[in-house]
Amino acid sequence: MPWFGLCFSMPILIWQLIFFVFPLAFLVAISFWLVRNFRMVPTFEWQNWSYMLSRGFFWDAYAHTLAMAAGATVLVSLVAFPCAYTIAFKFRESAKQLLVLLLVTPFFTSYLVRTYSWQVFLSDNGIFNAALGLLGLEPFAMLNTAFGTYIGYFTLCLPLVVLLQLFSLMYIDRSLIEAAHNLGCGRLRTVLLVVVPSARIGIVVAALFCFILTFGDFVSPLYLGGGQPPTLSTLITDTTKSGQQWPRAAVIATMMIVTLLIAAFGAVRFAYRRRA
């Protein structure tokens, strides 16, 4: 029987080896290579690591990326939860199916196309500022700002976070909610003390996906945020353009992967932690 289960698990193991372990190992390896005469030379030197980790612009980009991703994770999760809660507890099954379909529909279109479409709305002469002008309000800058970047993050993550939270909320034992009401627990306290802890795994996993996607996103910070201050993704592009410094870019990418692995392990451990 163990061999039978091992055979069925082989495809996912092979996939992980080919598309994750081997590329990650190669990425770490080239971070120790050197660039000489615009060509990478295989070697084992700490020069790229010492250079990048001693530069202030790297840590500024790292802190900015971490803060933006963490802020987007909190905001998207807070906005998504009322939507997922309403769909899970206030709609009939037929309506739920339709709403789930509508949440999946944005993924039919490329994320890059959706990001470009926001430029029409957020530009100085765009639709939003035109609407503000009709209301007698002064236009303000939305494109090439942190606000524009967050709009892109919401476009990328909000439907996915709502779906993941929804699937977790739909399988909550309704008898727990009825018991809370019978014991005199109000609606808000029931949500905070019964619903949220019962759906903790789905909520945390949804937040984790949001953090991973926004931490490594390149499109929104560049096309909606203007690329200033740079995130780690844009810093990778700038590094590769300056003298073909792929090894230094590999250092940045490795630091990003290490950060995401730490966040993933911490989030999963918290999600599956036994309740006291």
Protein backbone atom coordinates (compact mmCIF):
# COMPACT_ATOMS: atom_id res chain seq x y z
CA MET A 1 0.00 0.00 0.00
CA PRO A 2 2.78 2.58 0.69
CA TRP A 3 4.16 1.94 -2.81
CA PHE A 4 0.67 2.42 -4.25
CA GLY A 5 0.32 5.83 -2.60
CA LEU A 6 3.87 6.75 -3.58
CA CYS A 7 3.15 6.07 -7.24
CA PHE A 8 0.14 8.38 -7.20
CA SER A 9 2.14 11.10 -5.46
CA MET A 10 5.02 10.94 -7.94
CA PRO A 11 3.59 13.52 -10.41
CA ILE A 12 3.49 16.28 -7.78
CA LEU A 13 6.97 15.30 -6.54
CA ILE A 14 8.37 15.41 -10.06
CA TRP A 15 6.65 18.75 -10.71
CA GLN A 16 8.15 20.22 -7.52
CA LEU A 17 11.62 18.99 -8.46
CA ILE A 18 11.51 20.26 -12.05
CA PHE A 19 9.77 23.59 -11.54
CA PHE A 20 10.80 24.56 -8.00
CA VAL A 21 13.77 22.74 -6.49
CA PHE A 22 16.04 22.70 -9.57
CA PRO A 23 15.35 26.34 -10.60
CA LEU A 24 15.79 27.48 -7.00
CA ALA A 25 19.10 25.64 -6.72
CA PHE A 26 20.29 27.19 -9.99
CA LEU A 27 19.19 30.64 -8.82
CA VAL A 28 21.17 30.31 -5.60
CA ALA A 29 24.17 28.97 -7.53
CA ILE A 30 24.40 31.88 -9.97
CA SER A 31 24.19 34.36 -7.09
CA PHE A 32 27.80 33.33 -6.37
CA TRP A 33 28.97 33.78 -9.96
CA LEU A 34 30.74 36.88 -11.23
CA VAL A 35 30.26 39.06 -14.30
CA ARG A 36 33.41 39.74 -16.27
CA ASN A 37 33.33 41.55 -19.60
CA PHE A 38 29.52 41.34 -19.54
CA ARG A 39 29.63 37.52 -19.28
CA MET A 40 28.84 35.38 -16.27
CA VAL A 41 31.74 33.30 -15.00
CA PRO A 42 30.90 30.24 -12.86
CA THR A 43 32.69 30.56 -9.53
CA PHE A 44 31.94 30.64 -5.82
CA GLU A 45 32.41 34.15 -4.46
CA TRP A 46 30.47 36.12 -1.83
CA GLN A 47 31.06 39.36 -3.68
CA ASN A 48 27.48 39.74 -4.97
CA TRP A 49 25.97 39.02 -1.54
CA SER A 50 28.27 41.43 0.27
CA TYR A 51 27.62 44.11 -2.35
CA MET A 52 23.81 43.90 -2.31
CA LEU A 53 23.36 43.38 1.43
CA SER A 54 25.57 46.37 2.20
CA ARG A 55 23.67 48.78 -0.03
CA GLY A 56 21.04 51.06 1.43
CA PHE A 57 18.95 51.10 -1.74
CA PHE A 58 18.42 47.34 -1.43
CA TRP A 59 17.13 47.55 2.14
CA ASP A 60 14.99 50.57 1.26
CA ALA A 61 13.39 48.57 -1.55
CA TYR A 62 13.02 45.56 0.73
CA ALA A 63 11.29 47.57 3.47
CA HIS A 64 9.06 49.32 0.92
CA THR A 65 8.05 46.03 -0.71
CA LEU A 66 7.38 44.37 2.64
CA ALA A 67 5.30 47.30 3.88
CA MET A 68 3.27 47.54 0.67
CA ALA A 69 2.59 43.78 0.58
CA ALA A 70 1.67 43.64 4.27
CA GLY A 71 -0.62 46.65 3.94
CA ALA A 72 -2.30 45.20 0.86
CA THR A 73 -2.78 41.87 2.65
CA VAL A 74 -4.54 43.50 5.59
CA LEU A 75 -6.70 45.80 3.44
CA VAL A 76 -7.70 43.14 0.92
CA SER A 77 -8.54 40.65 3.69
CA LEU A 78 -10.69 43.21 5.52
CA VAL A 79 -12.56 44.19 2.36
CA ALA A 80 -12.97 40.58 1.20
CA PHE A 81 -14.36 39.16 4.45
CA PRO A 82 -17.72 41.03 4.50
CA CYS A 83 -18.23 40.06 0.85
CA ALA A 84 -17.40 36.40 1.48
CA TYR A 85 -19.51 36.35 4.66
CA THR A 86 -22.52 37.83 2.89
CA ILE A 87 -22.30 35.33 0.03
CA ALA A 88 -21.86 32.38 2.40
CA PHE A 89 -24.67 33.17 4.83
CA LYS A 90 -27.12 35.50 3.07
CA PHE A 91 -27.61 34.02 -0.41
CA ARG A 92 -29.27 30.89 -1.71
CA GLU A 93 -27.29 28.13 -3.39
CA SER A 94 -28.27 29.23 -6.89
CA ALA A 95 -27.16 32.79 -6.17
CA LYS A 96 -23.91 31.53 -4.66
CA GLN A 97 -23.09 29.65 -7.84
CA LEU A 98 -23.67 32.77 -9.93
CA LEU A 99 -21.57 34.93 -7.61
CA VAL A 100 -18.72 32.42 -7.62
CA LEU A 101 -18.81 32.49 -11.41
CA LEU A 102 -18.63 36.30 -11.34
CA LEU A 103 -15.63 36.14 -9.01
CA VAL A 104 -13.86 33.76 -11.39
CA THR A 105 -14.65 35.89 -14.46
CA PRO A 106 -11.85 38.49 -13.90
CA PHE A 107 -9.28 35.72 -14.33
CA PHE A 108 -10.48 35.25 -17.92
CA THR A 109 -8.56 38.42 -18.78
CA SER A 110 -4.84 38.94 -18.46
CA TYR A 111 -3.77 40.77 -15.31
CA LEU A 112 -1.60 43.04 -17.46
CA VAL A 113 -4.62 44.06 -19.55
CA ARG A 114 -6.64 44.81 -16.44
CA THR A 115 -3.79 46.89 -15.06
CA TYR A 116 -3.49 48.91 -18.26
CA SER A 117 -7.24 49.55 -18.22
CA TRP A 118 -6.90 51.19 -14.80
CA GLN A 119 -4.67 53.85 -16.35
CA VAL A 120 -7.72 55.18 -18.18
CA PHE A 121 -9.47 55.64 -14.84
CA LEU A 122 -6.57 56.88 -12.71
CA SER A 123 -4.73 59.29 -15.02
CA ASP A 124 -4.86 63.04 -14.39
CA ASN A 125 -7.40 63.43 -17.21
CA GLY A 126 -9.02 60.06 -16.54
CA ILE A 127 -12.55 59.05 -15.71
CA PHE A 128 -12.25 59.44 -11.92
CA ASN A 129 -10.81 62.95 -12.10
CA ALA A 130 -13.37 63.91 -14.74
CA ALA A 131 -16.13 62.77 -12.38
CA LEU A 132 -14.57 64.80 -9.57
CA GLY A 133 -14.52 67.83 -11.86
CA LEU A 134 -18.26 67.45 -12.50
CA LEU A 135 -18.79 67.50 -8.73
CA GLY A 136 -16.80 70.72 -8.43
CA LEU A 137 -13.80 69.03 -6.81
CA GLU A 138 -10.18 69.50 -7.75
CA PRO A 139 -8.50 66.54 -9.47
CA PHE A 140 -5.71 64.83 -7.62
CA ALA A 141 -2.94 62.48 -8.63
CA MET A 142 -3.86 58.79 -8.50
CA LEU A 143 -1.64 57.32 -11.17
CA ASN A 144 2.06 56.77 -10.40
CA THR A 145 1.35 56.83 -6.67
CA ALA A 146 1.05 54.29 -3.86
CA PHE A 147 -2.72 54.59 -4.25
CA GLY A 148 -2.44 53.39 -7.85
CA THR A 149 -0.26 50.47 -6.75
CA TYR A 150 -2.88 49.42 -4.19
CA ILE A 151 -5.58 49.57 -6.84
CA GLY A 152 -3.52 47.13 -8.88
CA TYR A 153 -3.04 44.90 -5.85
CA PHE A 154 -6.79 44.85 -5.25
CA THR A 155 -7.33 43.97 -8.91
CA LEU A 156 -4.88 41.10 -8.61
CA CYS A 157 -5.90 39.63 -5.26
CA LEU A 158 -9.41 40.61 -4.21
CA PRO A 159 -11.39 38.00 -6.24
CA LEU A 160 -9.02 35.22 -5.18
CA VAL A 161 -9.13 36.19 -1.50
CA VAL A 162 -12.94 36.36 -1.56
CA LEU A 163 -13.11 32.90 -3.13
CA LEU A 164 -10.74 31.32 -0.61
CA GLN A 165 -12.53 32.90 2.32
CA LEU A 166 -15.89 31.93 0.86
CA PHE A 167 -14.98 28.25 0.51
CA SER A 168 -13.88 28.23 4.14
CA LEU A 169 -16.99 30.00 5.42
CA MET A 170 -19.38 27.78 3.49
CA TYR A 171 -18.30 24.69 5.45
CA ILE A 172 -18.65 26.13 8.94
CA ASP A 173 -20.88 24.07 11.20
CA ARG A 174 -24.04 26.17 11.43
CA SER A 175 -24.96 24.56 14.76
CA LEU A 176 -22.07 26.47 16.35
CA ILE A 177 -23.60 29.75 15.22
CA GLU A 178 -27.05 28.72 16.46
CA ALA A 179 -25.57 27.71 19.81
CA ALA A 180 -23.87 31.10 20.11
CA HIS A 181 -27.16 32.88 19.44
CA ASN A 182 -28.99 30.66 21.94
CA LEU A 183 -26.43 31.60 24.59
CA GLY A 184 -27.15 35.29 23.98
CA CYS A 185 -24.16 36.11 21.81
CA GLY A 186 -24.78 39.07 19.52
CA ARG A 187 -24.18 39.06 15.78
CA LEU A 188 -20.82 40.83 15.92
CA ARG A 189 -19.52 38.70 18.78
CA THR A 190 -20.66 35.58 16.96
CA VAL A 191 -18.67 36.61 13.91
CA LEU A 192 -15.56 37.44 15.93
CA LEU A 193 -15.66 34.53 18.39
CA VAL A 194 -17.24 31.75 16.32
CA VAL A 195 -17.15 32.42 12.58
CA VAL A 196 -13.62 33.84 12.28
CA PRO A 197 -11.94 31.14 14.44
CA SER A 198 -13.85 28.40 12.61
CA ALA A 199 -12.74 29.76 9.23
CA ARG A 200 -9.22 30.62 10.39
CA ILE A 201 -7.47 28.28 7.98
CA GLY A 202 -9.19 29.71 4.91
CA ILE A 203 -8.73 33.30 6.06
CA VAL A 204 -5.03 32.83 6.80
CA VAL A 205 -4.35 30.93 3.57
CA ALA A 206 -6.17 33.64 1.58
CA ALA A 207 -4.06 36.31 3.28
CA LEU A 208 -0.93 34.28 2.55
CA PHE A 209 -1.76 34.08 -1.15
CA CYS A 210 -2.38 37.84 -1.18
CA PHE A 211 0.97 38.52 0.48
CA ILE A 212 2.85 36.23 -1.91
CA LEU A 213 1.26 37.75 -5.01
CA THR A 214 1.73 41.38 -3.95
CA PHE A 215 5.25 40.89 -2.57
CA GLY A 216 6.47 39.62 -5.93
CA ASP A 217 4.26 41.71 -8.19
CA PHE A 218 6.00 43.70 -10.90
CA VAL A 219 3.12 45.05 -12.99
CA SER A 220 1.22 47.25 -10.54
CA PRO A 221 4.23 48.99 -8.93
CA LEU A 222 5.60 49.83 -12.38
CA TYR A 223 2.54 50.73 -14.45
CA LEU A 224 0.28 52.13 -11.72
CA GLY A 225 2.82 53.15 -9.10
CA GLY A 226 5.39 54.64 -11.46
CA GLY A 227 8.20 52.43 -10.20
CA GLN A 228 9.24 54.95 -7.52
CA PRO A 229 10.23 54.11 -4.88
CA PRO A 230 11.27 50.80 -6.41
CA THR A 231 10.09 47.46 -5.15
CA LEU A 232 12.30 44.39 -5.18
CA SER A 233 10.78 43.21 -8.47
CA THR A 234 11.60 46.46 -10.25
CA LEU A 235 15.02 46.46 -8.59
CA ILE A 236 15.71 43.06 -10.18
CA THR A 237 14.95 44.54 -13.61
CA ASP A 238 17.14 47.57 -12.98
CA THR A 239 19.99 45.36 -11.76
CA THR A 240 19.95 43.13 -14.83
CA LYS A 241 20.02 46.18 -17.09
CA SER A 242 23.09 47.63 -15.39
CA GLY A 243 25.97 45.65 -16.81
CA GLN A 244 24.11 42.35 -17.14
CA GLN A 245 24.38 41.80 -13.40
CA TRP A 246 22.29 38.65 -13.27
CA PRO A 247 24.14 37.29 -10.20
CA ARG A 248 23.23 40.39 -8.18
CA ALA A 249 19.64 40.08 -9.38
CA ALA A 250 19.76 36.44 -8.21
CA VAL A 251 20.70 37.68 -4.74
CA ILE A 252 17.60 39.89 -4.67
CA ALA A 253 15.40 37.06 -5.94
CA THR A 254 16.83 34.65 -3.36
CA MET A 255 16.12 37.11 -0.56
CA MET A 256 12.55 37.43 -1.83
CA ILE A 257 12.08 33.66 -1.88
CA VAL A 258 13.53 33.27 1.62
CA THR A 259 11.15 35.96 2.90
CA LEU A 260 8.16 34.29 1.27
CA LEU A 261 9.15 30.87 2.62
CA ILE A 262 9.39 32.25 6.14
CA ALA A 263 6.02 33.96 5.76
CA ALA A 264 4.46 30.80 4.31
CA PHE A 265 5.72 28.51 7.06
CA GLY A 266 4.68 30.98 9.74
CA ALA A 267 1.22 31.48 8.28
CA VAL A 268 0.55 27.77 7.79
CA ARG A 269 1.73 26.99 11.31
CA PHE A 270 -0.57 29.68 12.70
CA ALA A 271 -3.50 28.50 10.58
CA TYR A 272 -3.26 24.89 11.74
CA ARG A 273 -2.39 25.67 15.34
CA ARG A 274 -4.73 23.99 17.76
CA ARG A 275 -7.12 26.27 19.56
CA ALA A 276 -6.70 26.49 23.31
